[in-house]
């Protein structure tokens, strides 16, 4: 038996009574993209926060749970809470219409550029990472942040 439903924008969709609207999302996607697509599908049928403030409250709740898990050094729970935090951040990105995969890739690119600056600067000084310290690397990191990307 098929059920006809309408999402919050009025678009109709069908699903088998025993199926799930989430089945259409390819499970082989990178995790951030998968989370984004799953929450987008759920949102279309009304399973969503009413506004960004709701998601931000959820972030606070999950951060508290993460800190609690850290305080008791429960590795299994810490891993679970990290997953929950990432999932909430995906929802925040979705609310802001920013794809989390793209946002993370841009940050990764920025990290690589800045870290490369540290490597090149240390090399110019004839130093290795082991001959440096965190304070020096942090100074070079801050220097890299001030540089304009090429």
N, C-alpha and C. Protein backbone atom coordinates (compact mmCIF):
# COMPACT_ATOMS: atom_id res chain seq x y z
N UNK A 1 0.82 -1.17 0.00
CA UNK A 1 0.00 0.00 0.00
C UNK A 1 0.87 1.24 0.00
N UNK A 2 0.57 2.19 -0.85
CA UNK A 2 1.33 3.43 -0.90
C UNK A 2 0.60 4.52 -0.14
N UNK A 3 1.38 5.36 0.47
CA UNK A 3 0.82 6.47 1.21
C UNK A 3 1.21 7.76 0.49
N UNK A 4 0.26 8.63 0.30
CA UNK A 4 0.53 9.92 -0.32
C UNK A 4 0.63 10.95 0.79
N UNK A 5 1.73 11.66 0.83
CA UNK A 5 1.94 12.68 1.85
C UNK A 5 2.35 13.96 1.16
N UNK A 6 2.32 15.03 1.91
CA UNK A 6 2.74 16.33 1.41
C UNK A 6 3.79 16.87 2.35
N UNK A 7 4.91 17.38 1.80
CA UNK A 7 5.92 17.98 2.67
C UNK A 7 5.50 19.41 3.01
N UNK A 8 6.32 20.09 3.82
CA UNK A 8 5.91 21.40 4.31
C UNK A 8 5.82 22.46 3.22
N UNK A 9 6.36 22.19 2.05
CA UNK A 9 6.23 23.13 0.93
C UNK A 9 5.08 22.75 0.01
N UNK A 10 4.38 21.69 0.34
CA UNK A 10 3.25 21.28 -0.46
C UNK A 10 3.58 20.26 -1.54
N UNK A 11 4.84 19.87 -1.66
CA UNK A 11 5.22 18.89 -2.68
C UNK A 11 4.76 17.50 -2.23
N UNK A 12 4.20 16.77 -3.15
CA UNK A 12 3.74 15.43 -2.81
C UNK A 12 4.86 14.42 -2.98
N UNK A 13 4.81 13.38 -2.15
CA UNK A 13 5.73 12.27 -2.32
C UNK A 13 5.00 11.00 -1.92
N UNK A 14 5.54 9.89 -2.35
CA UNK A 14 4.95 8.59 -2.05
C UNK A 14 6.00 7.73 -1.37
N UNK A 15 5.53 6.84 -0.52
CA UNK A 15 6.42 5.83 0.03
C UNK A 15 5.59 4.61 0.38
N UNK A 16 6.24 3.48 0.36
CA UNK A 16 5.55 2.27 0.79
C UNK A 16 5.40 2.33 2.30
N UNK A 17 4.34 1.76 2.79
CA UNK A 17 4.07 1.79 4.23
C UNK A 17 5.24 1.19 5.02
N UNK A 18 5.90 0.20 4.48
CA UNK A 18 6.99 -0.45 5.19
C UNK A 18 8.34 0.18 4.89
N UNK A 19 8.41 1.11 3.94
CA UNK A 19 9.67 1.73 3.58
C UNK A 19 9.93 3.00 4.36
N UNK A 20 11.01 3.66 3.99
CA UNK A 20 11.39 4.90 4.65
C UNK A 20 11.77 5.92 3.61
N UNK A 21 11.43 7.15 3.86
CA UNK A 21 11.85 8.21 2.92
C UNK A 21 13.37 8.35 2.92
N UNK A 22 14.02 7.86 3.98
CA UNK A 22 15.47 7.96 4.06
C UNK A 22 16.19 6.95 3.17
N UNK A 23 15.45 5.93 2.69
CA UNK A 23 16.06 4.90 1.85
C UNK A 23 16.61 5.47 0.55
N UNK A 24 16.07 6.57 0.10
CA UNK A 24 16.51 7.16 -1.17
C UNK A 24 17.88 7.83 -1.07
N UNK A 25 18.35 8.07 0.13
CA UNK A 25 19.66 8.72 0.31
C UNK A 25 20.75 7.65 0.22
N UNK A 26 21.70 7.81 -0.72
CA UNK A 26 22.78 6.82 -0.86
C UNK A 26 23.65 6.75 0.40
N UNK A 27 23.74 5.59 1.00
CA UNK A 27 24.49 5.45 2.26
C UNK A 27 26.00 5.48 2.05
N UNK A 28 26.46 5.46 0.79
CA UNK A 28 27.89 5.50 0.51
C UNK A 28 28.48 6.90 0.43
N UNK A 29 27.66 7.92 0.66
CA UNK A 29 28.15 9.30 0.64
C UNK A 29 29.15 9.52 1.77
N UNK A 30 30.05 10.51 1.62
CA UNK A 30 30.88 10.89 2.78
C UNK A 30 29.96 11.25 3.95
N UNK A 31 30.41 11.01 5.16
CA UNK A 31 29.55 11.14 6.34
C UNK A 31 28.87 12.50 6.47
N UNK A 32 29.59 13.59 6.22
CA UNK A 32 28.96 14.91 6.34
C UNK A 32 27.86 15.09 5.31
N UNK A 33 28.11 14.65 4.09
CA UNK A 33 27.09 14.75 3.04
C UNK A 33 25.91 13.85 3.35
N UNK A 34 26.17 12.66 3.86
CA UNK A 34 25.10 11.74 4.22
C UNK A 34 24.22 12.35 5.32
N UNK A 35 24.84 12.88 6.35
CA UNK A 35 24.08 13.51 7.43
C UNK A 35 23.26 14.68 6.89
N UNK A 36 23.86 15.46 6.01
CA UNK A 36 23.18 16.62 5.42
C UNK A 36 21.94 16.17 4.64
N UNK A 37 22.10 15.15 3.80
CA UNK A 37 20.99 14.67 2.97
C UNK A 37 19.89 14.02 3.83
N UNK A 38 20.28 13.26 4.84
CA UNK A 38 19.30 12.62 5.71
C UNK A 38 18.47 13.67 6.46
N UNK A 39 19.13 14.68 7.01
CA UNK A 39 18.40 15.69 7.76
C UNK A 39 17.56 16.56 6.83
N UNK A 40 18.01 16.74 5.62
CA UNK A 40 17.24 17.51 4.63
C UNK A 40 15.94 16.76 4.30
N UNK A 41 16.06 15.44 4.11
CA UNK A 41 14.87 14.62 3.83
C UNK A 41 13.89 14.66 5.01
N UNK A 42 14.42 14.49 6.22
CA UNK A 42 13.57 14.50 7.41
C UNK A 42 12.90 15.87 7.58
N UNK A 43 13.63 16.90 7.27
CA UNK A 43 13.10 18.26 7.39
C UNK A 43 11.92 18.48 6.44
N UNK A 44 12.02 17.90 5.26
CA UNK A 44 10.97 18.09 4.25
C UNK A 44 9.61 17.54 4.69
N UNK A 45 9.63 16.60 5.64
CA UNK A 45 8.36 16.06 6.12
C UNK A 45 7.99 16.63 7.49
N UNK A 46 8.70 17.69 7.90
CA UNK A 46 8.36 18.38 9.13
C UNK A 46 9.12 17.96 10.37
N UNK A 47 10.06 17.01 10.24
CA UNK A 47 10.87 16.60 11.39
C UNK A 47 12.08 17.52 11.45
N UNK A 48 11.90 18.65 12.12
CA UNK A 48 12.94 19.68 12.12
C UNK A 48 12.67 20.65 13.25
N UNK A 49 13.68 21.42 13.59
CA UNK A 49 13.50 22.50 14.56
C UNK A 49 12.77 23.64 13.86
N UNK A 50 12.02 24.42 14.62
CA UNK A 50 11.28 25.53 14.00
C UNK A 50 12.20 26.65 13.51
N UNK A 51 13.38 26.77 14.15
CA UNK A 51 14.30 27.84 13.75
C UNK A 51 15.72 27.48 14.19
N UNK A 52 16.66 28.33 13.81
CA UNK A 52 18.06 28.09 14.12
C UNK A 52 18.31 28.05 15.63
N UNK A 53 17.58 28.84 16.40
CA UNK A 53 17.77 28.85 17.85
C UNK A 53 17.54 27.48 18.46
N UNK A 54 16.60 26.72 17.92
CA UNK A 54 16.36 25.37 18.41
C UNK A 54 17.57 24.48 18.21
N UNK A 55 18.21 24.61 17.06
CA UNK A 55 19.40 23.80 16.78
C UNK A 55 20.55 24.25 17.67
N UNK A 56 20.66 25.54 17.90
CA UNK A 56 21.73 26.05 18.76
C UNK A 56 21.54 25.57 20.21
N UNK A 57 20.30 25.47 20.66
CA UNK A 57 20.05 24.92 21.99
C UNK A 57 20.47 23.45 22.04
N UNK A 58 20.20 22.73 20.95
CA UNK A 58 20.61 21.33 20.86
C UNK A 58 22.14 21.22 20.91
N UNK A 59 22.83 22.16 20.27
CA UNK A 59 24.29 22.17 20.30
C UNK A 59 24.78 22.33 21.74
N UNK A 60 24.17 23.25 22.48
CA UNK A 60 24.54 23.44 23.89
C UNK A 60 24.31 22.16 24.69
N UNK A 61 23.18 21.51 24.46
CA UNK A 61 22.84 20.26 25.15
C UNK A 61 23.87 19.18 24.84
N UNK A 62 24.21 19.04 23.57
CA UNK A 62 25.18 18.01 23.17
C UNK A 62 26.58 18.32 23.69
N UNK A 63 26.95 19.60 23.74
CA UNK A 63 28.26 19.97 24.27
C UNK A 63 28.34 19.62 25.76
N UNK A 64 27.26 19.84 26.48
CA UNK A 64 27.21 19.49 27.90
C UNK A 64 27.39 17.97 28.06
N UNK A 65 26.69 17.19 27.25
CA UNK A 65 26.81 15.74 27.32
C UNK A 65 28.22 15.28 26.96
N UNK A 66 28.83 15.95 25.99
CA UNK A 66 30.21 15.63 25.60
C UNK A 66 31.16 15.87 26.78
N UNK A 67 31.02 17.02 27.42
CA UNK A 67 31.89 17.36 28.55
C UNK A 67 31.69 16.39 29.70
N UNK A 68 30.45 15.96 29.93
CA UNK A 68 30.18 14.97 30.98
C UNK A 68 30.88 13.65 30.66
N UNK A 69 30.80 13.23 29.41
CA UNK A 69 31.44 11.98 29.00
C UNK A 69 32.96 12.09 29.16
N UNK A 70 33.51 13.25 28.82
CA UNK A 70 34.95 13.47 28.99
C UNK A 70 35.34 13.41 30.46
N UNK A 71 34.52 14.00 31.31
CA UNK A 71 34.86 14.08 32.74
C UNK A 71 34.92 12.69 33.39
N UNK A 72 34.13 11.75 32.90
CA UNK A 72 34.17 10.39 33.46
C UNK A 72 35.04 9.46 32.62
N UNK A 73 35.68 10.02 31.61
CA UNK A 73 36.60 9.28 30.73
C UNK A 73 35.99 8.02 30.15
N UNK A 74 34.75 8.17 29.68
CA UNK A 74 34.04 7.07 29.03
C UNK A 74 34.25 7.19 27.53
N UNK A 75 35.26 6.49 27.02
CA UNK A 75 35.66 6.62 25.61
C UNK A 75 34.52 6.31 24.64
N UNK A 76 33.76 5.28 24.93
CA UNK A 76 32.64 4.92 24.06
C UNK A 76 31.62 6.06 23.99
N UNK A 77 31.30 6.62 25.15
CA UNK A 77 30.34 7.72 25.21
C UNK A 77 30.91 8.99 24.57
N UNK A 78 32.21 9.23 24.76
CA UNK A 78 32.86 10.40 24.14
C UNK A 78 32.73 10.31 22.62
N UNK A 79 33.01 9.13 22.07
CA UNK A 79 32.89 8.94 20.61
C UNK A 79 31.46 9.20 20.15
N UNK A 80 30.50 8.70 20.91
CA UNK A 80 29.09 8.91 20.57
C UNK A 80 28.73 10.40 20.62
N UNK A 81 29.20 11.09 21.63
CA UNK A 81 28.89 12.52 21.76
C UNK A 81 29.58 13.35 20.68
N UNK A 82 30.77 12.95 20.26
CA UNK A 82 31.43 13.64 19.14
C UNK A 82 30.57 13.49 17.89
N UNK A 83 30.06 12.29 17.66
CA UNK A 83 29.16 12.07 16.53
C UNK A 83 27.92 12.93 16.62
N UNK A 84 27.35 13.03 17.83
CA UNK A 84 26.17 13.86 18.03
C UNK A 84 26.48 15.33 17.75
N UNK A 85 27.64 15.79 18.21
CA UNK A 85 28.04 17.18 17.96
C UNK A 85 28.20 17.45 16.47
N UNK A 86 28.84 16.52 15.77
CA UNK A 86 29.01 16.69 14.32
C UNK A 86 27.65 16.73 13.62
N UNK A 87 26.74 15.88 14.07
CA UNK A 87 25.41 15.83 13.47
C UNK A 87 24.66 17.15 13.68
N UNK A 88 24.80 17.70 14.88
CA UNK A 88 24.16 19.00 15.15
C UNK A 88 24.79 20.09 14.28
N UNK A 89 26.11 20.07 14.13
CA UNK A 89 26.76 21.08 13.27
C UNK A 89 26.28 20.96 11.83
N UNK A 90 26.03 19.73 11.38
CA UNK A 90 25.47 19.55 10.03
C UNK A 90 24.10 20.22 9.94
N UNK A 91 23.30 20.07 10.98
CA UNK A 91 21.98 20.72 10.99
C UNK A 91 22.10 22.24 11.00
N UNK A 92 23.05 22.75 11.74
CA UNK A 92 23.28 24.20 11.75
C UNK A 92 23.64 24.66 10.34
N UNK A 93 24.54 23.94 9.70
CA UNK A 93 24.94 24.29 8.33
C UNK A 93 23.73 24.24 7.39
N UNK A 94 22.91 23.20 7.55
CA UNK A 94 21.73 23.06 6.69
C UNK A 94 20.79 24.25 6.89
N UNK A 95 20.58 24.65 8.13
CA UNK A 95 19.71 25.80 8.40
C UNK A 95 20.25 27.06 7.72
N UNK A 96 21.57 27.17 7.66
CA UNK A 96 22.21 28.36 7.07
C UNK A 96 22.45 28.20 5.57
N UNK A 97 21.99 27.07 5.02
CA UNK A 97 22.14 26.74 3.60
C UNK A 97 23.62 26.73 3.17
N UNK A 98 24.43 26.13 4.04
CA UNK A 98 25.85 25.94 3.77
C UNK A 98 26.10 24.44 3.80
N UNK A 99 26.61 23.89 2.71
CA UNK A 99 26.86 22.45 2.71
C UNK A 99 28.09 22.19 3.59
N UNK A 100 27.95 21.33 4.60
CA UNK A 100 29.07 21.11 5.54
C UNK A 100 30.30 20.52 4.89
N UNK A 101 30.11 19.70 3.88
CA UNK A 101 31.26 19.10 3.18
C UNK A 101 32.10 20.19 2.52
N UNK A 102 31.43 21.15 1.87
CA UNK A 102 32.14 22.26 1.22
C UNK A 102 32.82 23.14 2.25
N UNK A 103 32.14 23.42 3.34
CA UNK A 103 32.71 24.27 4.40
C UNK A 103 33.96 23.61 4.99
N UNK A 104 33.88 22.31 5.26
CA UNK A 104 35.03 21.61 5.83
C UNK A 104 36.18 21.54 4.83
N UNK A 105 35.88 21.31 3.56
CA UNK A 105 36.95 21.26 2.55
C UNK A 105 37.67 22.60 2.45
N UNK A 106 36.94 23.71 2.53
CA UNK A 106 37.58 25.03 2.50
C UNK A 106 38.47 25.23 3.72
N UNK A 107 38.02 24.77 4.86
CA UNK A 107 38.83 24.89 6.07
C UNK A 107 40.07 24.01 5.98
N UNK A 108 39.92 22.82 5.41
CA UNK A 108 41.07 21.93 5.22
C UNK A 108 42.10 22.59 4.32
N UNK A 109 41.63 23.20 3.24
CA UNK A 109 42.54 23.90 2.31
C UNK A 109 43.28 25.02 3.05
N UNK A 110 42.56 25.77 3.87
CA UNK A 110 43.15 26.85 4.65
C UNK A 110 44.19 26.28 5.63
N UNK A 111 43.87 25.16 6.28
CA UNK A 111 44.80 24.53 7.21
C UNK A 111 46.08 24.13 6.49
N UNK A 112 45.93 23.51 5.33
CA UNK A 112 47.10 23.05 4.57
C UNK A 112 47.99 24.24 4.20
N UNK A 113 47.38 25.34 3.74
CA UNK A 113 48.16 26.53 3.39
C UNK A 113 48.92 27.07 4.59
N UNK A 114 48.26 27.16 5.71
CA UNK A 114 48.91 27.70 6.92
C UNK A 114 49.99 26.77 7.45
N UNK A 115 49.71 25.48 7.45
CA UNK A 115 50.70 24.52 7.93
C UNK A 115 51.91 24.50 7.00
N UNK A 116 51.65 24.62 5.71
CA UNK A 116 52.75 24.68 4.73
C UNK A 116 53.63 25.89 4.99
N UNK A 117 53.04 27.00 5.40
CA UNK A 117 53.81 28.19 5.75
C UNK A 117 54.74 27.90 6.92
N UNK A 118 54.22 27.17 7.92
CA UNK A 118 55.06 26.79 9.06
C UNK A 118 56.23 25.95 8.58
N UNK A 119 55.94 24.94 7.76
CA UNK A 119 57.00 24.06 7.24
C UNK A 119 58.05 24.85 6.47
N UNK A 120 57.58 25.72 5.56
CA UNK A 120 58.52 26.48 4.73
C UNK A 120 59.35 27.44 5.57
N UNK A 121 58.72 28.07 6.54
CA UNK A 121 59.43 29.01 7.41
C UNK A 121 60.49 28.30 8.24
N UNK A 122 60.15 27.16 8.79
CA UNK A 122 61.12 26.40 9.57
C UNK A 122 62.26 25.92 8.68
N UNK A 123 61.93 25.51 7.47
CA UNK A 123 62.95 25.04 6.53
C UNK A 123 63.93 26.18 6.19
N UNK A 124 63.40 27.39 5.96
CA UNK A 124 64.26 28.56 5.67
C UNK A 124 65.22 28.84 6.82
N UNK A 125 64.77 28.55 8.03
CA UNK A 125 65.61 28.76 9.21
C UNK A 125 66.52 27.57 9.48
N UNK A 126 66.43 26.55 8.63
CA UNK A 126 67.25 25.35 8.80
C UNK A 126 66.80 24.49 9.97
N UNK A 127 65.52 24.55 10.31
CA UNK A 127 64.99 23.81 11.45
C UNK A 127 64.02 22.73 11.00
N UNK A 128 63.92 21.70 11.84
CA UNK A 128 62.87 20.70 11.67
C UNK A 128 61.80 20.98 12.72
N UNK A 129 60.69 20.27 12.63
CA UNK A 129 59.65 20.42 13.64
C UNK A 129 60.18 20.06 15.03
N UNK A 130 61.04 19.06 15.10
CA UNK A 130 61.57 18.61 16.39
C UNK A 130 62.53 19.63 16.99
N UNK A 131 63.08 20.51 16.15
CA UNK A 131 63.97 21.55 16.65
C UNK A 131 63.20 22.84 16.97
N UNK A 132 61.93 22.80 16.79
CA UNK A 132 61.07 23.94 17.07
C UNK A 132 60.23 23.63 18.30
N UNK A 133 59.38 24.56 18.67
CA UNK A 133 58.46 24.31 19.78
C UNK A 133 57.09 24.87 19.41
N UNK A 134 56.12 24.54 20.23
CA UNK A 134 54.75 24.95 19.93
C UNK A 134 54.61 26.47 19.85
N UNK A 135 55.30 27.19 20.71
CA UNK A 135 55.19 28.65 20.71
C UNK A 135 55.68 29.23 19.37
N UNK A 136 56.78 28.72 18.87
CA UNK A 136 57.31 29.19 17.58
C UNK A 136 56.36 28.82 16.44
N UNK A 137 55.84 27.60 16.47
CA UNK A 137 54.92 27.18 15.42
C UNK A 137 53.63 27.99 15.48
N UNK A 138 53.16 28.30 16.68
CA UNK A 138 51.96 29.12 16.83
C UNK A 138 52.19 30.53 16.27
N UNK A 139 53.39 31.08 16.50
CA UNK A 139 53.73 32.40 15.95
C UNK A 139 53.69 32.35 14.42
N UNK A 140 54.25 31.30 13.83
CA UNK A 140 54.24 31.14 12.38
C UNK A 140 52.82 30.93 11.86
N UNK A 141 52.00 30.22 12.62
CA UNK A 141 50.59 30.01 12.25
C UNK A 141 49.87 31.35 12.17
N UNK A 142 50.06 32.18 13.20
CA UNK A 142 49.42 33.50 13.22
C UNK A 142 49.93 34.36 12.07
N UNK A 143 51.20 34.22 11.74
CA UNK A 143 51.78 34.93 10.59
C UNK A 143 51.10 34.48 9.31
N UNK A 144 50.88 33.19 9.19
CA UNK A 144 50.23 32.63 7.99
C UNK A 144 48.79 33.12 7.87
N UNK A 145 48.11 33.30 9.00
CA UNK A 145 46.73 33.77 8.99
C UNK A 145 46.63 35.18 8.41
N UNK A 146 47.67 35.97 8.59
CA UNK A 146 47.66 37.36 8.10
C UNK A 146 47.98 37.46 6.61
N UNK A 147 48.54 36.40 6.05
CA UNK A 147 48.90 36.41 4.63
C UNK A 147 47.66 36.24 3.78
N UNK A 148 47.68 36.86 2.62
CA UNK A 148 46.58 36.71 1.65
C UNK A 148 46.78 35.42 0.88
N UNK A 149 45.71 34.62 0.72
CA UNK A 149 45.83 33.39 -0.08
C UNK A 149 46.15 33.73 -1.54
N UNK A 150 46.97 32.90 -2.14
CA UNK A 150 47.37 33.11 -3.54
C UNK A 150 46.37 32.51 -4.49
